Amino acid sequence: MSAEESLARAEELLARLEQTRAELERLTQADDADKALDVLTELSELSKAIEEELQKAKREADAGAEP
């Protein structure tokens, strides 16, 4: 996977993260604690996936910059 593909994937995940954060906000206002905990877990998983994609992009960019 190229650095650009990893960055595109990270952007997709970031959009999902924002949608999930909005869902968490809605659940918080509705006092749905059980579902909010599920959403927090999803947010954590999305954050990790974004970090992994950014690390892949960095490695690919670094590998492409080597002479």
Protein backbone atom coordinates (compact mmCIF):
# COMPACT_ATOMS: atom_id res chain seq x y z
CA MET A 1 0.00 0.00 0.00
CA SER A 2 1.39 3.38 -0.95
CA ALA A 3 1.71 6.35 1.38
CA GLU A 4 -1.10 8.08 -0.51
CA GLU A 5 -3.37 5.06 -0.10
CA SER A 6 -2.62 4.93 3.63
CA LEU A 7 -3.37 8.62 3.96
CA ALA A 8 -6.65 8.21 2.07
CA ARG A 9 -7.59 5.31 4.35
CA ALA A 10 -6.72 7.42 7.41
CA GLU A 11 -8.98 10.19 6.09
CA GLU A 12 -11.84 7.71 5.65
CA LEU A 13 -11.33 6.45 9.19
CA LEU A 14 -11.20 10.01 10.47
CA ALA A 15 -14.61 10.69 8.89
CA ARG A 16 -15.97 7.56 10.61
CA LEU A 17 -14.42 8.75 13.86
CA GLU A 18 -16.26 12.07 13.57
CA GLN A 19 -19.56 10.31 12.85
CA THR A 20 -19.03 8.04 15.84
CA ARG A 21 -18.15 10.99 18.06
CA ALA A 22 -21.40 12.67 17.07
CA GLU A 23 -23.25 9.45 17.93
CA LEU A 24 -21.58 9.43 21.34
CA GLU A 25 -22.69 13.01 21.93
CA ARG A 26 -26.26 12.08 21.01
CA LEU A 27 -26.20 9.08 23.35
CA THR A 28 -24.78 11.16 26.17
CA GLN A 29 -27.66 13.59 25.87
CA ALA A 30 -30.10 10.66 25.81
CA ASP A 31 -28.55 9.13 28.97
CA ASP A 32 -27.89 5.80 27.22
CA ALA A 33 -24.80 4.80 29.19
CA ASP A 34 -24.56 1.21 27.94
CA LYS A 35 -24.62 2.19 24.29
CA ALA A 36 -22.26 5.11 25.02
CA LEU A 37 -19.69 2.64 26.38
CA ASP A 38 -19.96 0.61 23.18
CA VAL A 39 -19.41 3.77 21.15
CA LEU A 40 -16.39 4.72 23.27
CA THR A 41 -14.89 1.32 22.48
CA GLU A 42 -15.52 1.92 18.79
CA LEU A 43 -13.88 5.36 19.05
CA SER A 44 -10.82 3.78 20.63
CA GLU A 45 -10.58 1.16 17.86
CA LEU A 46 -10.97 3.81 15.16
CA SER A 47 -8.27 5.96 16.77
CA LYS A 48 -5.87 3.00 16.78
CA ALA A 49 -6.66 2.22 13.13
CA ILE A 50 -6.02 5.85 12.16
CA GLU A 51 -2.70 5.80 13.98
CA GLU A 52 -1.72 2.57 12.21
CA GLU A 53 -2.55 4.03 8.78
CA LEU A 54 -0.57 7.18 9.52
CA GLN A 55 2.41 5.09 10.62
CA LYS A 56 2.15 3.06 7.39
CA ALA A 57 2.07 6.26 5.37
CA LYS A 58 5.13 7.56 7.20
CA ARG A 59 7.05 4.33 6.64
CA GLU A 60 6.13 4.32 2.94
CA ALA A 61 7.10 7.97 2.55
CA ASP A 62 10.38 7.37 4.36
CA ALA A 63 11.11 4.30 2.21
CA GLY A 64 10.36 6.28 -0.95
CA ALA A 65 12.66 9.12 0.12
CA GLU A 66 15.69 6.85 0.59
CA PRO A 67 18.25 7.03 -2.23
